[in-house]
Protein backbone atom coordinates (compact mmCIF):
# COMPACT_ATOMS: atom_id res chain seq x y z
CA MET A 1 -0.10 0.16 -0.09
CA VAL A 2 1.23 3.38 -0.85
CA ARG A 3 1.32 5.66 2.42
CA GLU A 4 1.96 9.36 2.45
CA ASP A 5 2.95 9.92 6.53
CA ARG A 6 5.11 12.81 5.59
CA PRO A 7 3.38 15.18 3.03
CA GLY A 8 5.00 14.78 -0.41
CA VAL A 9 6.72 11.71 0.75
CA LYS A 10 4.91 8.70 -0.78
CA GLN A 11 6.22 4.83 0.21
CA LEU A 12 5.12 1.36 -0.65
CA VAL A 13 4.39 -0.21 2.74
CA GLY A 14 3.91 -3.78 3.07
CA TYR A 15 1.75 -5.39 5.83
CA ALA A 16 2.07 -9.09 6.73
CA VAL A 17 0.37 -11.41 9.34
CA PRO A 18 2.53 -14.40 10.08
CA ALA A 19 0.94 -18.07 10.26
CA ALA A 20 -0.61 -19.23 13.56
CA GLY A 21 2.68 -19.97 15.78
CA ALA A 22 5.32 -18.65 13.49
CA GLU A 23 7.47 -15.44 13.59
CA LEU A 24 7.86 -13.11 10.77
CA ASP A 25 11.21 -11.99 9.08
CA THR A 26 10.69 -9.13 7.34
CA GLU A 27 13.88 -9.16 5.96
CA GLU A 28 13.28 -12.79 4.45
CA LEU A 29 10.20 -11.38 3.42
CA ARG A 30 11.44 -8.64 1.46
CA ARG A 31 14.35 -10.91 -0.12
CA TRP A 32 11.37 -13.53 -1.06
CA ALA A 33 9.46 -10.34 -2.58
CA GLY A 34 12.28 -9.18 -4.48
CA ASP A 35 13.10 -12.31 -6.23
CA ARG A 36 9.67 -12.42 -8.05
CA LEU A 37 9.05 -8.80 -8.12
CA PRO A 38 10.39 -5.74 -9.86
CA ASP A 39 12.60 -3.64 -7.42
CA TYR A 40 9.84 -0.93 -7.69
CA MET A 41 7.22 -3.40 -6.42
CA VAL A 42 9.08 -4.29 -3.12
CA PRO A 43 8.21 -2.38 -0.07
CA ARG A 44 10.74 -1.15 1.84
CA PRO A 45 9.30 -1.14 5.15
CA ILE A 46 7.08 -4.39 6.33
CA ILE A 47 5.18 -4.02 9.12
CA ALA A 48 4.38 -7.44 11.21
CA LEU A 49 0.80 -7.47 12.21
CA ASP A 50 -0.92 -9.81 14.61
CA THR A 51 -4.21 -9.37 12.34
CA LEU A 52 -5.48 -7.15 9.27
CA PRO A 53 -7.77 -4.45 10.79
CA LEU A 54 -10.96 -4.96 8.91
CA THR A 55 -14.13 -2.60 8.00
CA THR A 56 -17.42 -3.85 8.64
CA ASN A 57 -17.64 -4.96 5.25
CA GLY A 58 -14.62 -7.32 5.83
CA LYS A 59 -12.29 -5.57 3.84
CA VAL A 60 -8.97 -4.30 5.10
CA ASP A 61 -9.49 -0.86 6.86
CA GLN A 62 -6.67 0.95 5.37
CA LYS A 63 -7.12 3.91 7.46
CA ALA A 64 -6.60 1.86 10.55
CA LEU A 65 -3.08 0.37 9.48
CA PRO A 66 -0.43 1.43 11.31
CA ALA A 67 2.39 3.96 10.07
CA GLN A 68 5.83 2.68 9.78
CA ARG A 69 7.55 2.14 12.64
CA ARG A 70 11.61 2.52 12.80
CA SER A 71 12.26 -0.92 13.33
CA SER A 72 9.92 -3.44 11.40
CA SER A 73 11.82 -6.58 11.66
CA VAL A 74 11.01 -9.29 13.55
CA SER A 75 13.37 -12.45 13.18
CA SER A 76 11.75 -15.92 12.16
CA SER A 77 12.16 -18.53 9.71
CA ALA A 78 9.11 -18.53 7.15
CA PRO A 79 8.01 -15.96 5.14
CA ALA A 80 4.75 -17.65 4.67
CA ALA A 81 2.56 -14.40 4.89
CA GLY A 82 -0.06 -12.51 2.76
CA THR A 83 0.98 -8.85 2.43
CA ALA A 84 -1.50 -6.19 1.97
């Protein structure tokens, strides 16, 4: 998703929810995406979430997604998570 957290600065941000019981290695996920996507489509920050916020209609509530944190990496082993 493209975010503009600072006026005039747009950035592609990825959000991922790890599989139940798994931890998420955001660097590994970024490498995995980089092997499959053009560089401009790979989000630099990937933010791990417990769950994606949903609207009452069951769609992802983009306004409720958190802004980028300074450190968005969490060490783990499996990149088996979806991004939004």
